[in-house]
Amino acid sequence: MLSARQVRLASGLVLFVFITTHLANHALGLISLDAMEAGRRYFIAFWRQPLVSLTLYSSWTTHVALAFWALYQRRTLRMPVWEAAQLALGLAIPPLLVSHVVGTRLTWQLYGVEDAYSRVTLALWLLTPESGWRQLVVIVLAWVHAMIGLHSIVKLRAWYPRAAPWLRGVVVIFPVLAMLGFISGAREATELAQHPDVRRQMLWHGHPALTAPEVAMLDRLRESGWYGYVALLAAVLGARAVRRALQRRRGRIVVTYPSGRRVSVSPGLSVLEISRDAGIPHASVCGGRGRCTTCRVRVSAARPQPAPTEAERRVLLRLKLPPDVRLACQLQPTSDLTVTPLLPATATAADGRVAGDPDSGREQEVVVVFADLRRFTRLAEHRLPYDVVFFLNRYFEAVGGAIQRSGGVANQYTGDGVMALFGLEVGATEGSRQALVAAGEMVKSVAALSEALAADLSEPLRIGIGIHVGPAVVGRMGYAEASYLTAVGDTVHVAARLETLTKEYDCELIFSEAVARRAGLSTEGFARHEITLRNRAEPLTVLVVPSAAAVASGAPAVG
């Protein structure tokens, strides 16, 4: 059986697809009113199919009902701003849409009046401009509500921080284009409607004007929809008040926090709600949905507390947590207890990831590549800061692009140096091949950059590259927004040292024999050296290569 959260997600996704296609249709107004009408034909052909219409309006009804249920379920209205905004917008949008739904879908359904863009834009822009501005506000509110909901889902994904800057651009520009398209189409409709006969055709499309009783019926439907919604909202708020009064008769429990603060509340609230109601900061990235696990607490109580629900139990097992650890958003204490939050109130989604998550930390064999630009200090010392930043970004683009195309991850850019990891997903053997190919690609990309900037360079650009393979600890490291995927360990130090040695050997590439062996590369013709590195008892056999392109061309095919 689906949970309320899963039903809310499914219905929300249906509504999101509807509003996205609807706004895309609006954006066609930037081309012309005819383009909007042409797009509408496809829009109507899909969304007014009986089964699709049933799905749409069922999703809308379900989503609104679940918003009321969410309001009722909350034992306290103290919550983070984003949660309050999502709930408030979800409750505010339906009454604002009543007039629009009655004037378009129901008018067509009851009386056959075509709700074409020429009619709707003319009515909203010229005849009742206050309604037009209300619709623009509804567009913004509905889009913001949808984006908050999507954000609460995807922000827990490991890929989201990398994609967020691009997604923010789409989130902003999409509704802006829709509103501009609506305004542009409305202005065109206003110009066309200067002649009375044309205006009549645009408003009614050959259908007789609505009679006074028909208009009165539509007005009654609007009023009934609005007052009915307000009555439901009042009923939910009234039910909350009754429940609160009943809870006060059940006595009080005391929750004690590490600071020594004791909070006395009526039973029925979760530990997270108790923290919020008392103004005690408590981590909860997912908003108390039991998904992020950042709210987890250690519990000490003289009497047994309610057992975990099946959903909470699965999370606790996945985290391999001891019996005294619970999710604060799921535990509703029935007697006095002491809780100790296990994560700081500022915890992020990454802090709550379970063991075994690719970003949470693991030891594996990995191929580490270091690349460094030669004589960068001399190149930068007589240039303006803007020029230095511009040059470095072009350089990082060239080198980072070569790494990415070859299958690696450029995880650190420091000064004029780059660190990259290979084999994270495909293993050390394939990663070694990819790293050797990447070395040749980096050299070629830097040579192309050097040629493009030849007029501003006193000498061609050169880089040195070091590659080593071995065990390392891989995971996201850092603090807050400055955390990133990286690796630590002896393998990393060796690769960095090999890159440094390219200066002494005046070559483009040095890689360990272990890399060649993993990649299946013939080392014939390459100079071999045994070097001694600090903190390593055994000497390391390395291959010194004047031109990285020679290795890349001899490396086995990647893939």
Protein backbone atom coordinates (compact mmCIF):
# COMPACT_ATOMS: atom_id res chain seq x y z
CA MET A 1 0.00 0.00 0.00
CA LEU A 2 1.30 3.44 -0.92
CA SER A 3 2.14 5.84 1.89
CA ALA A 4 0.75 9.37 2.04
CA ARG A 5 4.19 10.69 1.06
CA GLN A 6 4.30 8.49 -2.04
CA VAL A 7 0.77 9.50 -3.06
CA ARG A 8 1.66 13.17 -2.52
CA LEU A 9 4.76 12.73 -4.67
CA ALA A 10 2.89 10.96 -7.47
CA SER A 11 0.04 13.48 -7.56
CA GLY A 12 2.52 16.34 -7.36
CA LEU A 13 4.48 15.02 -10.34
CA VAL A 14 1.30 14.86 -12.43
CA LEU A 15 0.50 18.47 -11.54
CA PHE A 16 4.10 19.46 -12.24
CA VAL A 17 3.94 17.99 -15.74
CA PHE A 18 0.65 19.83 -16.32
CA ILE A 19 1.94 23.21 -15.18
CA THR A 20 5.20 22.76 -17.09
CA THR A 21 3.43 22.03 -20.37
CA HIS A 22 0.94 24.84 -19.67
CA LEU A 23 3.71 27.38 -19.07
CA ALA A 24 5.58 26.15 -22.13
CA ASN A 25 2.41 26.86 -24.11
CA HIS A 26 2.29 30.37 -22.59
CA ALA A 27 5.91 30.97 -23.65
CA LEU A 28 4.92 30.48 -27.31
CA GLY A 29 3.29 33.92 -27.05
CA LEU A 30 6.79 35.33 -27.53
CA ILE A 31 6.44 34.11 -31.11
CA SER A 32 2.80 35.00 -31.77
CA LEU A 33 -0.78 34.46 -30.66
CA ASP A 34 -1.16 31.95 -33.48
CA ALA A 35 1.79 29.98 -32.08
CA MET A 36 0.04 29.86 -28.69
CA GLU A 37 -3.13 28.57 -30.34
CA ALA A 38 -1.19 25.95 -32.30
CA GLY A 39 0.56 24.75 -29.13
CA ARG A 40 -2.77 24.69 -27.30
CA ARG A 41 -4.21 22.22 -29.81
CA TYR A 42 -1.56 19.68 -28.82
CA PHE A 43 -1.96 20.60 -25.14
CA ILE A 44 -5.74 20.08 -25.26
CA ALA A 45 -5.46 16.91 -27.36
CA PHE A 46 -3.46 15.32 -24.55
CA TRP A 47 -4.88 16.75 -21.33
CA ARG A 48 -8.55 16.51 -22.30
CA GLN A 49 -8.46 12.83 -23.07
CA PRO A 50 -10.95 11.27 -20.61
CA LEU A 51 -8.39 9.10 -18.81
CA VAL A 52 -5.77 11.87 -18.66
CA SER A 53 -8.36 14.40 -17.42
CA LEU A 54 -9.44 11.95 -14.74
CA THR A 55 -5.81 11.50 -13.68
CA LEU A 56 -5.21 15.24 -13.63
CA TYR A 57 -8.24 16.22 -11.56
CA SER A 58 -7.82 13.23 -9.27
CA SER A 59 -4.22 14.30 -8.66
CA TRP A 60 -5.33 17.87 -7.99
CA THR A 61 -8.02 16.78 -5.53
CA THR A 62 -5.65 14.32 -3.83
CA HIS A 63 -2.86 16.88 -3.57
CA VAL A 64 -5.15 19.47 -1.98
CA ALA A 65 -6.60 16.87 0.40
CA LEU A 66 -3.10 15.85 1.46
CA ALA A 67 -2.22 19.49 2.06
CA PHE A 68 -5.14 19.68 4.50
CA TRP A 69 -4.01 16.39 6.05
CA ALA A 70 -0.45 17.69 6.42
CA LEU A 71 -1.80 20.80 8.14
CA TYR A 72 -3.86 18.68 10.51
CA GLN A 73 -1.05 16.23 11.24
CA ARG A 74 1.38 18.93 12.33
CA ARG A 75 1.32 19.21 16.10
CA THR A 76 3.13 22.55 15.90
CA LEU A 77 3.20 25.24 13.23
CA ARG A 78 6.79 26.14 14.05
CA MET A 79 8.85 24.94 11.11
CA PRO A 80 11.69 26.04 8.81
CA VAL A 81 10.87 28.84 6.38
CA TRP A 82 10.95 26.56 3.31
CA GLU A 83 8.46 24.15 4.87
CA ALA A 84 6.16 26.99 5.89
CA ALA A 85 6.36 28.46 2.40
CA GLN A 86 5.54 25.14 0.73
CA LEU A 87 2.55 24.53 3.03
CA ALA A 88 1.25 28.10 2.78
CA LEU A 89 1.54 28.17 -1.01
CA GLY A 90 -0.11 24.77 -1.32
CA LEU A 91 -3.09 26.06 0.66
CA ALA A 92 -3.24 29.48 -1.08
CA ILE A 93 -3.16 28.36 -4.72
CA PRO A 94 -6.53 26.47 -4.98
CA PRO A 95 -8.79 29.43 -4.03
CA LEU A 96 -6.85 31.68 -6.41
CA LEU A 97 -7.43 29.18 -9.22
CA VAL A 98 -11.18 28.75 -8.70
CA SER A 99 -12.15 31.69 -10.92
CA HIS A 100 -9.77 30.61 -13.69
CA VAL A 101 -10.99 27.01 -13.70
CA VAL A 102 -14.64 28.09 -13.79
CA GLY A 103 -13.98 30.62 -16.55
CA THR A 104 -12.13 28.16 -18.78
CA ARG A 105 -12.69 24.44 -18.23
CA LEU A 106 -16.19 24.59 -16.69
CA THR A 107 -17.45 27.23 -19.13
CA TRP A 108 -16.33 24.95 -21.97
CA GLN A 109 -17.65 21.82 -20.26
CA LEU A 110 -21.09 23.29 -19.44
CA TYR A 111 -21.77 25.66 -22.32
CA GLY A 112 -19.31 24.74 -25.08
CA VAL A 113 -17.51 28.11 -25.06
CA GLU A 114 -14.02 27.59 -26.49
CA ASP A 115 -11.34 28.60 -23.97
CA ALA A 116 -8.88 29.60 -26.69
CA TYR A 117 -5.89 31.82 -25.94
CA SER A 118 -7.48 34.67 -27.91
CA ARG A 119 -10.47 34.60 -25.52
CA VAL A 120 -8.56 34.03 -22.29
CA THR A 121 -5.79 36.58 -22.92
CA LEU A 122 -8.27 39.21 -24.08
CA ALA A 123 -10.52 38.67 -21.07
CA LEU A 124 -7.65 38.70 -18.56
CA TRP A 125 -5.65 41.53 -20.09
CA LEU A 126 -8.25 43.95 -21.48
CA LEU A 127 -11.64 43.22 -19.93
CA THR A 128 -10.63 42.24 -16.36
CA PRO A 129 -6.98 43.24 -15.91
CA GLU A 130 -7.12 42.54 -12.18
CA SER A 131 -7.79 38.89 -13.05
CA GLY A 132 -4.83 38.93 -15.43
CA TRP A 133 -2.47 40.11 -12.73
CA ARG A 134 -3.92 37.52 -10.36
CA GLN A 135 -3.12 34.81 -12.89
CA LEU A 136 0.47 36.01 -13.17
CA VAL A 137 0.73 35.82 -9.38
CA VAL A 138 -0.73 32.29 -9.45
CA ILE A 139 1.91 31.27 -12.03
CA VAL A 140 4.67 32.44 -9.70
CA LEU A 141 3.13 30.85 -6.60
CA ALA A 142 2.45 27.51 -8.31
CA TRP A 143 5.95 27.37 -9.79
CA VAL A 144 7.63 28.26 -6.47
CA HIS A 145 5.52 25.63 -4.67
CA ALA A 146 6.51 23.00 -7.24
CA MET A 147 10.21 23.94 -7.06
CA ILE A 148 10.25 23.76 -3.25
CA GLY A 149 8.74 20.28 -3.47
CA LEU A 150 11.22 19.08 -6.10
CA HIS A 151 14.10 20.63 -4.20
CA SER A 152 13.12 18.78 -1.02
CA ILE A 153 13.37 15.52 -2.99
CA VAL A 154 16.53 15.98 -5.06
CA LYS A 155 18.61 17.88 -2.50
CA LEU A 156 19.33 14.54 -0.82
CA ARG A 157 20.96 13.18 -3.99
CA ALA A 158 24.76 13.20 -4.18
CA TRP A 159 24.71 14.73 -7.68
CA TYR A 160 22.52 17.68 -6.73
CA PRO A 161 25.20 20.12 -5.47
CA ARG A 162 26.99 19.82 -8.83
CA ALA A 163 23.83 20.31 -10.88
CA ALA A 164 22.25 23.02 -8.69
CA PRO A 165 23.79 26.07 -10.46
CA TRP A 166 22.43 24.93 -13.83
CA LEU A 167 19.05 23.94 -12.42
CA ARG A 168 18.63 27.34 -10.74
CA GLY A 169 18.95 29.02 -14.13
CA VAL A 170 16.20 26.83 -15.59
CA VAL A 171 13.99 27.35 -12.55
CA VAL A 172 14.16 31.13 -12.96
CA ILE A 173 14.01 31.52 -16.72
CA PHE A 174 11.15 29.10 -17.39
CA PRO A 175 8.32 31.00 -15.60
CA VAL A 176 9.77 34.31 -16.79
CA LEU A 177 9.46 33.17 -20.40
CA ALA A 178 5.92 31.93 -19.70
CA MET A 179 4.82 35.26 -18.21
CA LEU A 180 6.45 37.27 -20.99
CA GLY A 181 4.78 35.01 -23.54
CA PHE A 182 1.39 35.51 -21.87
CA ILE A 183 1.82 39.29 -21.84
CA SER A 184 3.01 39.35 -25.44
CA GLY A 185 0.06 37.24 -26.59
CA ALA A 186 -2.37 39.40 -24.59
CA ARG A 187 -1.05 42.58 -26.19
CA GLU A 188 -1.42 41.09 -29.64
CA ALA A 189 -4.97 39.99 -28.79
CA THR A 190 -5.79 43.52 -27.59
CA GLU A 191 -4.59 45.02 -30.86
CA LEU A 192 -6.62 42.54 -32.92
CA ALA A 193 -9.75 43.21 -30.84
CA GLN A 194 -10.02 46.88 -31.77
CA HIS A 195 -12.80 46.08 -34.25
CA PRO A 196 -16.06 44.99 -32.49
CA ASP A 197 -16.73 42.07 -34.86
CA VAL A 198 -13.21 40.72 -34.40
CA ARG A 199 -13.52 41.09 -30.64
CA ARG A 200 -16.81 39.17 -30.66
CA GLN A 201 -15.26 36.35 -32.66
CA MET A 202 -12.21 36.19 -30.35
CA LEU A 203 -14.40 36.03 -27.25
CA TRP A 204 -17.05 33.60 -28.42
CA HIS A 205 -15.63 31.82 -31.51
CA GLY A 206 -19.06 31.67 -33.14
CA HIS A 207 -20.83 30.61 -29.94
CA PRO A 208 -23.71 32.81 -28.74
CA ALA A 209 -22.85 35.05 -25.80
CA LEU A 210 -23.75 33.56 -22.44
CA THR A 211 -27.20 34.42 -21.14
CA ALA A 212 -27.75 36.11 -17.79
CA PRO A 213 -28.81 32.83 -16.08
CA GLU A 214 -25.70 31.09 -17.45
CA VAL A 215 -23.45 33.87 -16.15
CA ALA A 216 -25.22 33.69 -12.80
CA MET A 217 -24.63 29.94 -12.66
CA LEU A 218 -20.90 30.41 -13.24
CA ASP A 219 -20.78 33.11 -10.54
CA ARG A 220 -22.48 30.72 -8.10
CA LEU A 221 -19.93 28.04 -8.96
CA ARG A 222 -17.10 30.46 -8.25
CA GLU A 223 -18.60 31.46 -4.92
CA SER A 224 -19.37 27.86 -3.98
CA GLY A 225 -15.82 26.77 -4.79
CA TRP A 226 -14.27 29.62 -2.82
CA TYR A 227 -16.52 29.40 0.24
CA GLY A 228 -16.36 25.60 0.22
CA TYR A 229 -12.57 25.74 0.30
CA VAL A 230 -12.56 28.27 3.14
CA ALA A 231 -15.00 26.09 5.07
CA LEU A 232 -12.74 23.05 4.69
CA LEU A 233 -9.73 25.04 5.84
CA ALA A 234 -11.67 26.30 8.87
CA ALA A 235 -12.75 22.73 9.66
CA VAL A 236 -9.14 21.52 9.63
CA LEU A 237 -8.02 24.36 11.90
CA GLY A 238 -10.97 23.62 14.18
CA ALA A 239 -10.03 19.94 14.33
CA ARG A 240 -6.48 20.95 15.30
CA ALA A 241 -7.84 23.06 18.15
CA VAL A 242 -10.05 20.21 19.40
CA ARG A 243 -7.17 17.73 19.29
CA ARG A 244 -4.92 20.12 21.19
CA ALA A 245 -7.54 20.52 23.90
CA LEU A 246 -7.93 16.75 24.20
CA GLN A 247 -4.17 16.23 24.39
CA ARG A 248 -3.88 18.57 27.34
CA ARG A 249 -6.11 16.19 29.29
CA ARG A 250 -3.65 13.32 28.74
CA GLY A 251 -1.04 14.77 31.05
CA ARG A 252 2.47 15.96 30.30
CA ILE A 253 5.81 14.39 29.49
CA VAL A 254 9.26 15.93 29.90
CA VAL A 255 12.00 15.80 27.27
CA THR A 256 15.52 16.65 28.46
CA TYR A 257 18.24 17.93 26.09
CA PRO A 258 22.06 17.81 26.44
CA SER A 259 22.14 21.46 27.53
CA GLY A 260 20.05 20.48 30.56
CA ARG A 261 16.94 22.19 29.22
CA ARG A 262 13.72 20.36 30.09
CA VAL A 263 10.69 20.79 27.82
CA SER A 264 7.25 19.83 29.14
CA VAL A 265 4.71 18.95 26.41
CA SER A 266 1.53 16.98 25.86
CA PRO A 267 2.03 13.50 24.35
CA GLY A 268 1.48 13.17 20.62
CA LEU A 269 4.33 15.30 19.26
CA SER A 270 7.44 13.84 17.68
CA VAL A 271 10.81 14.70 19.21
CA LEU A 272 11.53 16.91 16.20
CA GLU A 273 8.25 18.79 16.69
CA ILE A 274 9.03 19.18 20.39
CA SER A 275 12.40 20.70 19.50
CA ARG A 276 10.82 23.08 17.03
CA ASP A 277 7.99 24.07 19.36
CA ALA A 278 10.54 24.87 22.06
CA GLY A 279 12.78 26.80 19.65
CA ILE A 280 15.64 24.31 20.02
CA PRO A 281 17.69 24.02 16.77
CA HIS A 282 17.46 20.48 15.40
CA ALA A 283 18.75 19.18 12.07
CA SER A 284 16.15 17.94 9.58
CA VAL A 285 17.14 18.37 5.96
CA CYS A 286 14.11 16.50 4.58
CA GLY A 287 11.61 18.34 6.78
CA GLY A 288 10.71 15.44 9.02
CA ARG A 289 9.86 12.90 6.33
CA GLY A 290 12.20 10.21 7.64
CA ARG A 291 14.42 10.28 4.53
CA CYS A 292 17.58 12.24 5.31
CA THR A 293 18.25 10.74 8.81
CA THR A 294 19.94 13.99 9.93
CA CYS A 295 17.50 14.32 12.86
CA ARG A 296 18.60 11.09 14.56
CA VAL A 297 18.99 11.16 18.33
CA ARG A 298 20.26 8.91 21.10
CA VAL A 299 17.42 8.16 23.51
CA SER A 300 17.51 7.36 27.21
CA ALA A 301 14.21 6.60 28.96
CA ALA A 302 13.11 4.79 32.10
CA ARG A 303 10.05 3.36 30.36
CA PRO A 304 9.82 1.80 26.88
CA GLN A 305 8.95 4.14 24.02
CA PRO A 306 6.79 3.28 20.98
CA ALA A 307 8.50 0.81 18.65
CA PRO A 308 9.77 2.14 15.30
CA THR A 309 7.37 2.04 12.38
CA GLU A 310 8.28 -0.23 9.50
CA ALA A 311 9.66 2.72 7.51
CA GLU A 312 11.82 3.92 10.42
CA ARG A 313 12.97 0.38 11.17
CA ARG A 314 14.26 -0.03 7.60
CA VAL A 315 16.23 3.20 7.89
CA LEU A 316 17.72 2.23 11.25
CA LEU A 317 18.77 -1.17 9.88
CA ARG A 318 20.34 0.43 6.81
CA LEU A 319 22.32 2.77 9.05
CA LYS A 320 23.25 -0.15 11.33
CA LEU A 321 22.44 1.98 14.37
CA PRO A 322 22.20 0.69 17.95
CA PRO A 323 18.77 0.24 19.59
CA ASP A 324 19.03 3.49 21.55
CA VAL A 325 19.18 5.62 18.38
CA ARG A 326 15.94 6.81 16.78
CA LEU A 327 14.79 9.29 14.15
CA ALA A 328 13.50 12.38 15.95
CA CYS A 329 10.90 13.02 13.26
CA GLN A 330 9.34 9.57 13.76
CA LEU A 331 9.56 9.00 17.52
CA GLN A 332 6.51 10.25 19.43
CA PRO A 333 7.44 9.75 23.10
CA THR A 334 4.80 8.59 25.57
CA SER A 335 6.85 9.13 28.72
CA ASP A 336 9.77 11.20 30.02
CA LEU A 337 13.03 10.74 28.17
CA THR A 338 16.43 12.29 27.45
CA VAL A 339 17.55 12.88 23.87
CA THR A 340 20.95 13.71 22.42
CA PRO A 341 21.00 14.89 18.78
CA LEU A 342 23.80 13.06 16.95
CA LEU A 343 24.29 15.67 14.22
CA PRO A 344 24.63 19.46 14.52
CA ALA A 345 21.62 21.62 13.67
CA THR A 346 23.52 22.86 10.60
CA ALA A 347 23.93 19.32 9.17
CA THR A 348 23.51 18.93 5.40
CA ALA A 349 22.18 16.07 3.31
CA ALA A 350 25.71 14.71 2.90
CA ASP A 351 26.07 14.40 6.69
CA GLY A 352 23.13 12.04 6.85
CA ARG A 353 24.22 9.61 4.15
CA VAL A 354 24.49 6.01 5.15
CA ALA A 355 27.58 3.87 5.26
CA GLY A 356 28.26 2.49 1.82
CA ASP A 357 27.06 5.64 0.07
CA PRO A 358 29.61 6.38 -2.69
CA ASP A 359 30.27 9.78 -1.13
CA SER A 360 30.32 8.75 2.54
CA GLY A 361 33.83 7.25 2.55
CA ARG A 362 35.29 3.95 1.39
CA GLU A 363 38.67 2.41 0.67
CA GLN A 364 39.28 1.25 -2.88
CA GLU A 365 41.93 1.02 -5.53
CA VAL A 366 41.97 4.23 -7.51
CA VAL A 367 44.13 5.86 -10.16
CA VAL A 368 45.35 9.32 -9.13
CA VAL A 369 46.58 11.90 -11.63
CA PHE A 370 48.32 15.18 -10.87
CA ALA A 371 49.02 17.79 -13.55
CA ASP A 372 50.86 21.06 -13.12
CA LEU A 373 51.53 23.99 -15.45
CA ARG A 374 55.22 24.79 -15.90
CA ARG A 375 56.59 28.30 -15.18
CA PHE A 376 53.20 29.66 -14.22
CA THR A 377 54.67 32.11 -11.68
CA ARG A 378 56.76 33.77 -14.39
CA LEU A 379 53.73 33.84 -16.68
CA ALA A 380 51.47 35.51 -14.09
CA GLU A 381 53.81 38.01 -12.39
CA HIS A 382 53.39 40.82 -14.93
CA ARG A 383 49.69 40.32 -15.66
CA LEU A 384 46.61 41.98 -14.24
CA PRO A 385 44.56 39.88 -11.78
CA TYR A 386 41.70 39.71 -14.29
CA ASP A 387 44.06 38.31 -16.94
CA VAL A 388 45.42 35.70 -14.54
CA VAL A 389 41.93 34.50 -13.62
CA PHE A 390 40.88 34.42 -17.28
CA PHE A 391 43.96 32.43 -18.25
CA LEU A 392 43.59 29.93 -15.40
CA ASN A 393 39.95 29.31 -16.22
CA ARG A 394 40.85 28.65 -19.86
CA TYR A 395 43.60 26.29 -18.71
CA PHE A 396 41.33 24.44 -16.27
CA GLU A 397 38.69 24.17 -18.98
CA ALA A 398 41.22 22.58 -21.34
CA VAL A 399 42.64 20.15 -18.79
CA GLY A 400 39.36 19.40 -17.01
CA GLY A 401 37.62 18.74 -20.32
CA ALA A 402 40.33 16.27 -21.34
CA ILE A 403 39.98 14.44 -18.01
CA GLN A 404 36.20 14.27 -18.27
CA ARG A 405 36.24 13.06 -21.87
CA SER A 406 38.61 10.27 -20.86
CA GLY A 407 36.34 9.06 -18.04
CA GLY A 408 37.92 10.70 -15.00
CA VAL A 409 36.82 13.18 -12.34
CA ALA A 410 38.79 16.40 -11.95
CA ASN A 411 38.18 16.86 -8.24
CA GLN A 412 40.69 19.55 -7.20
CA TYR A 413 41.97 22.72 -8.83
CA THR A 414 44.71 24.31 -6.75
CA GLY A 415 46.74 27.22 -8.08
CA ASP A 416 47.89 25.98 -11.48
CA GLY A 417 47.58 22.31 -10.50
CA VAL A 418 44.86 19.74 -11.10
CA MET A 419 44.12 16.47 -9.30
CA ALA A 420 41.95 13.84 -10.98
CA LEU A 421 40.62 10.41 -10.04
CA PHE A 422 40.07 7.48 -12.41
CA GLY A 423 38.55 4.05 -11.89
CA LEU A 424 35.99 5.10 -9.28
CA GLU A 425 33.24 3.19 -11.03
CA VAL A 426 35.04 1.02 -13.60
CA GLY A 427 37.93 -0.29 -11.49
CA ALA A 428 41.67 0.28 -11.42
CA THR A 429 42.43 -1.63 -14.65
CA GLU A 430 40.14 0.41 -16.86
CA GLY A 431 40.97 3.50 -14.81
CA SER A 432 44.70 3.08 -15.58
CA ARG A 433 43.96 2.97 -19.30
CA GLN A 434 41.73 6.01 -19.03
CA ALA A 435 44.37 7.94 -17.08
CA LEU A 436 47.05 7.30 -19.73
CA VAL A 437 44.69 8.41 -22.48
CA ALA A 438 43.81 11.48 -20.42
CA ALA A 439 47.51 12.39 -20.13
CA GLY A 440 47.81 12.57 -23.91
CA GLU A 441 44.52 14.47 -24.19
CA MET A 442 45.63 17.01 -21.58
CA VAL A 443 48.88 17.69 -23.41
CA LYS A 444 47.01 18.13 -26.71
CA SER A 445 44.45 20.45 -25.13
CA VAL A 446 47.14 22.58 -23.51
CA ALA A 447 49.02 22.75 -26.84
CA ALA A 448 45.83 23.97 -28.54
CA LEU A 449 45.35 26.57 -25.81
CA SER A 450 48.96 27.66 -26.19
CA GLU A 451 48.46 28.14 -29.92
CA ALA A 452 45.26 30.14 -29.35
CA LEU A 453 47.02 32.45 -26.87
CA ALA A 454 50.36 32.56 -28.74
CA ALA A 455 50.23 36.34 -29.14
CA ASP A 456 50.15 36.78 -25.34
CA LEU A 457 52.74 34.12 -24.44
CA SER A 458 56.50 34.45 -24.41
CA GLU A 459 56.90 30.69 -24.80
CA PRO A 460 54.61 27.66 -25.39
CA LEU A 461 52.72 26.25 -22.44
CA ARG A 462 53.95 22.96 -20.97
CA ILE A 463 52.56 20.68 -18.27
CA GLY A 464 53.94 17.86 -16.16
CA ILE A 465 51.80 14.83 -15.25
CA GLY A 466 52.21 12.14 -12.58
CA ILE A 467 50.10 8.98 -12.37
CA HIS A 468 49.97 6.23 -9.74
CA VAL A 469 47.50 3.50 -8.81
CA GLY A 470 46.84 1.97 -5.41
CA PRO A 471 44.52 1.93 -2.40
CA ALA A 472 43.10 5.21 -1.10
CA VAL A 473 40.24 6.43 1.04
CA VAL A 474 37.66 8.04 -1.24
CA GLY A 475 34.75 10.21 -0.10
CA ARG A 476 33.34 13.68 0.27
CA MET A 477 35.54 15.79 2.51
CA GLY A 478 35.51 19.37 3.69
CA TYR A 479 32.96 21.44 5.54
CA ALA A 480 29.43 22.56 4.60
CA GLU A 481 29.29 23.90 1.03
CA ALA A 482 33.06 23.54 0.64
CA SER A 483 32.96 19.72 0.71
CA TYR A 484 33.95 17.77 -2.41
CA LEU A 485 34.81 14.27 -3.58
CA THR A 486 38.48 13.49 -3.10
CA ALA A 487 40.95 10.79 -2.06
CA VAL A 488 43.61 10.61 0.65
CA GLY A 489 46.43 8.20 1.34
CA ASP A 490 49.86 7.11 0.18
CA THR A 491 48.72 6.64 -3.43
CA VAL A 492 47.81 10.33 -3.63
CA HIS A 493 51.17 11.42 -2.18
CA VAL A 494 53.05 9.21 -4.65
CA ALA A 495 51.16 10.59 -7.66
CA ALA A 496 51.86 14.15 -6.50
CA ARG A 497 55.55 13.33 -6.07
CA LEU A 498 55.74 11.81 -9.57
CA GLU A 499 54.29 15.01 -11.04
CA THR A 500 56.96 17.03 -9.20
CA LEU A 501 59.69 14.77 -10.60
CA THR A 502 58.71 15.67 -14.18
CA LYS A 503 60.55 18.96 -13.59
CA GLU A 504 63.77 17.14 -12.64
CA TYR A 505 63.53 14.75 -15.60
CA ASP A 506 62.32 17.52 -17.94
CA CYS A 507 59.49 15.37 -19.30
CA GLU A 508 55.73 15.53 -19.72
CA LEU A 509 54.77 12.34 -17.93
CA ILE A 510 55.95 9.98 -15.20
CA PHE A 511 53.83 7.03 -14.16
CA SER A 512 54.47 4.03 -11.96
CA GLU A 513 55.10 0.55 -13.35
CA ALA A 514 51.93 -0.55 -11.51
CA VAL A 515 49.89 1.74 -13.80
CA ALA A 516 51.49 0.24 -16.92
CA ARG A 517 50.88 -3.28 -15.63
CA ARG A 518 47.20 -2.55 -14.88
CA ALA A 519 46.68 -0.88 -18.24
CA GLY A 520 48.36 -3.72 -20.16
CA LEU A 521 50.78 -1.23 -21.70
CA SER A 522 54.05 -2.36 -23.19
CA THR A 523 56.86 -0.42 -21.53
CA GLU A 524 59.43 -1.16 -24.17
CA GLY A 525 61.22 2.00 -25.23
CA PHE A 526 60.39 3.95 -22.06
CA ALA A 527 63.13 4.92 -19.61
CA ARG A 528 62.81 3.03 -16.31
CA HIS A 529 63.99 4.41 -12.99
CA GLU A 530 63.84 3.25 -9.41
CA ILE A 531 63.15 6.09 -7.03
CA THR A 532 62.98 6.29 -3.25
CA LEU A 533 60.15 8.27 -1.75
CA ARG A 534 59.79 9.57 1.77
CA ASN A 535 57.92 7.23 4.15
CA ARG A 536 58.19 4.31 1.70
CA ALA A 537 60.54 1.44 2.57
CA GLU A 538 60.57 -0.08 -0.93
CA PRO A 539 61.84 1.77 -4.01
CA LEU A 540 59.24 2.52 -6.67
CA THR A 541 59.77 1.68 -10.33
CA VAL A 542 58.57 4.46 -12.62
CA LEU A 543 58.55 5.14 -16.34
CA VAL A 544 59.75 8.51 -17.61
CA VAL A 545 58.10 9.63 -20.83
CA PRO A 546 59.20 12.78 -22.70
CA SER A 547 55.94 12.96 -24.70
CA ALA A 548 52.62 11.87 -23.18
CA ALA A 549 51.15 11.49 -26.66
CA ALA A 550 53.42 8.47 -27.23
CA VAL A 551 51.86 6.66 -24.26
CA ALA A 552 48.30 7.61 -25.18
CA SER A 553 48.71 6.23 -28.67
CA GLY A 554 50.08 2.94 -27.31
CA ALA A 555 47.50 2.49 -24.56
CA PRO A 556 44.87 -0.22 -25.10
CA ALA A 557 41.48 1.01 -26.20
CA VAL A 558 39.38 2.50 -23.43
CA GLY A 559 35.91 1.07 -22.91
